[in-house]
Amino acid sequence: MQIRVYYDDTDAGGVVYHANYLKFCERARSEIFFAHGKSPAMNGGHFVVKKVEADFKKSAKLGDLLHVKSFLVELHNASLHVKQIIYRGDEIIFEMTSLLAFVKEGKPTRIDEESKAFFKAVLS
């Protein structure tokens, strides 16, 4: 997914504010569903971020065109690990691994087989 860095994404110095890298990754994960005619809220549940590991390699700046790539690392019964990399051209500027838990009514819930197949297909 491509993202243009706008003024409201940056701090006073024109550098992307650190929390916005997480937002860019969240948008990219949501866009995976939307691009396939699905919603991130599925089967009466939704995914919540349980754990994030982030590596800020270089700063993005106002006007940069970024590309977010998402990959499935592991798929469990009620959660998945997703790695996301943000590029500026060919240069990696940010990497993040997230543990996403599937919940219904606030409780971890098994991911159905159809959804597991979807993740395997689109996050490879």
Protein backbone atom coordinates (compact mmCIF):
# COMPACT_ATOMS: atom_id res chain seq x y z
CA MET A 1 0.00 0.00 0.00
CA GLN A 2 1.33 3.44 -0.88
CA ILE A 3 1.17 6.32 1.57
CA ARG A 4 2.07 9.95 0.93
CA VAL A 5 3.43 11.78 3.96
CA TYR A 6 1.32 14.87 4.61
CA TYR A 7 1.94 17.82 6.89
CA ASP A 8 -0.31 16.41 9.62
CA ASP A 9 1.83 13.23 9.71
CA THR A 10 4.90 15.22 10.75
CA ASP A 11 6.30 17.06 13.74
CA ALA A 12 7.41 20.70 13.70
CA GLY A 13 10.58 19.73 11.81
CA GLY A 14 8.77 18.03 8.92
CA VAL A 15 9.75 14.53 10.11
CA VAL A 16 7.10 11.81 10.51
CA TYR A 17 6.01 11.61 14.14
CA HIS A 18 6.94 8.20 15.58
CA ALA A 19 3.38 7.03 16.35
CA ASN A 20 2.33 7.59 12.75
CA TYR A 21 4.44 4.67 11.52
CA LEU A 22 2.14 2.43 13.55
CA LYS A 23 -0.87 4.16 11.98
CA PHE A 24 0.56 3.60 8.50
CA CYS A 25 0.91 -0.11 9.28
CA GLU A 26 -2.62 -0.26 10.70
CA ARG A 27 -4.00 1.34 7.52
CA ALA A 28 -2.09 -1.17 5.40
CA ARG A 29 -3.50 -4.10 7.41
CA SER A 30 -7.04 -2.72 7.03
CA GLU A 31 -6.50 -2.13 3.32
CA ILE A 32 -5.67 -5.83 2.86
CA PHE A 33 -9.24 -6.64 3.92
CA PHE A 34 -10.85 -3.81 1.93
CA ALA A 35 -8.93 -4.71 -1.26
CA HIS A 36 -10.49 -8.18 -1.08
CA GLY A 37 -14.05 -7.04 -0.34
CA LYS A 38 -13.81 -7.90 3.36
CA SER A 39 -13.93 -6.00 6.63
CA PRO A 40 -11.34 -6.15 9.42
CA ALA A 41 -14.36 -6.82 11.69
CA MET A 42 -15.20 -10.37 10.67
CA ASN A 43 -17.43 -13.17 11.90
CA GLY A 44 -18.65 -11.12 14.85
CA GLY A 45 -15.13 -10.37 16.08
CA HIS A 46 -12.11 -8.25 15.34
CA PHE A 47 -8.35 -8.17 15.80
CA VAL A 48 -6.61 -6.32 18.60
CA VAL A 49 -2.91 -5.61 18.83
CA LYS A 50 -1.46 -7.55 21.77
CA LYS A 51 2.23 -6.88 21.18
CA VAL A 52 4.34 -4.69 18.89
CA GLU A 53 8.05 -4.74 18.21
CA ALA A 54 9.19 -1.75 16.16
CA ASP A 55 12.51 -0.76 14.60
CA PHE A 56 12.83 2.85 13.43
CA LYS A 57 15.65 2.77 10.88
CA LYS A 58 15.41 6.13 9.09
CA SER A 59 13.06 9.09 9.18
CA ALA A 60 10.37 9.75 6.62
CA LYS A 61 9.73 13.38 5.78
CA LEU A 62 7.00 15.63 4.46
CA GLY A 63 6.12 14.71 0.88
CA ASP A 64 7.78 11.27 0.89
CA LEU A 65 5.99 8.46 -0.91
CA LEU A 66 6.13 5.34 1.23
CA HIS A 67 5.17 1.74 0.54
CA VAL A 68 4.02 -0.65 3.27
CA LYS A 69 4.43 -4.40 2.72
CA SER A 70 2.82 -6.94 5.05
CA PHE A 71 3.81 -10.58 5.60
CA LEU A 72 2.40 -13.42 7.67
CA VAL A 73 5.02 -14.72 10.10
CA GLU A 74 2.94 -17.19 12.14
CA LEU A 75 -0.69 -18.19 12.31
CA HIS A 76 -2.14 -19.67 15.50
CA ASN A 77 -5.64 -20.74 16.53
CA ALA A 78 -6.65 -17.31 17.87
CA SER A 79 -3.82 -15.00 16.78
CA LEU A 80 -1.32 -14.18 14.08
CA HIS A 81 2.07 -12.53 13.85
CA VAL A 82 2.41 -10.03 11.01
CA LYS A 83 5.64 -8.36 9.89
CA GLN A 84 5.32 -5.01 8.15
CA ILE A 85 8.06 -3.11 6.39
CA ILE A 86 7.84 0.50 5.28
CA TYR A 87 9.98 1.45 2.29
CA ARG A 88 10.94 4.78 0.77
CA GLY A 89 11.90 3.66 -2.72
CA ASP A 90 14.14 0.61 -2.19
CA GLU A 91 15.23 1.77 1.27
CA ILE A 92 13.75 0.17 4.41
CA ILE A 93 12.94 2.92 6.89
CA PHE A 94 10.75 1.06 9.42
CA GLU A 95 10.01 -2.54 10.41
CA MET A 96 7.38 -3.81 12.80
CA THR A 97 6.18 -7.20 13.97
CA SER A 98 2.74 -7.36 15.59
CA LEU A 99 0.92 -10.07 17.48
CA LEU A 100 -2.76 -9.70 16.63
CA ALA A 101 -5.35 -11.54 18.70
CA PHE A 102 -8.83 -12.32 17.36
CA VAL A 103 -11.48 -11.47 19.95
CA LYS A 104 -15.25 -11.63 20.29
CA GLU A 105 -16.92 -9.83 23.18
CA GLY A 106 -13.48 -9.10 24.61
CA LYS A 107 -12.33 -12.74 24.74
CA PRO A 108 -9.78 -14.52 22.52
CA THR A 109 -11.60 -16.61 19.93
CA ARG A 110 -10.53 -19.23 17.40
CA ILE A 111 -9.94 -17.98 13.86
CA ASP A 112 -12.05 -20.02 11.43
CA GLU A 113 -10.39 -22.07 8.68
CA GLU A 114 -11.69 -19.85 5.85
CA SER A 115 -10.10 -16.79 7.45
CA LYS A 116 -6.85 -18.69 8.05
CA ALA A 117 -6.76 -19.59 4.35
CA PHE A 118 -7.37 -15.92 3.49
CA PHE A 119 -4.40 -14.78 5.60
CA LYS A 120 -2.13 -17.43 4.12
CA ALA A 121 -3.11 -16.34 0.62
CA VAL A 122 -2.86 -12.55 0.96
CA LEU A 123 0.04 -12.22 3.41
CA SER A 124 2.54 -14.47 1.68
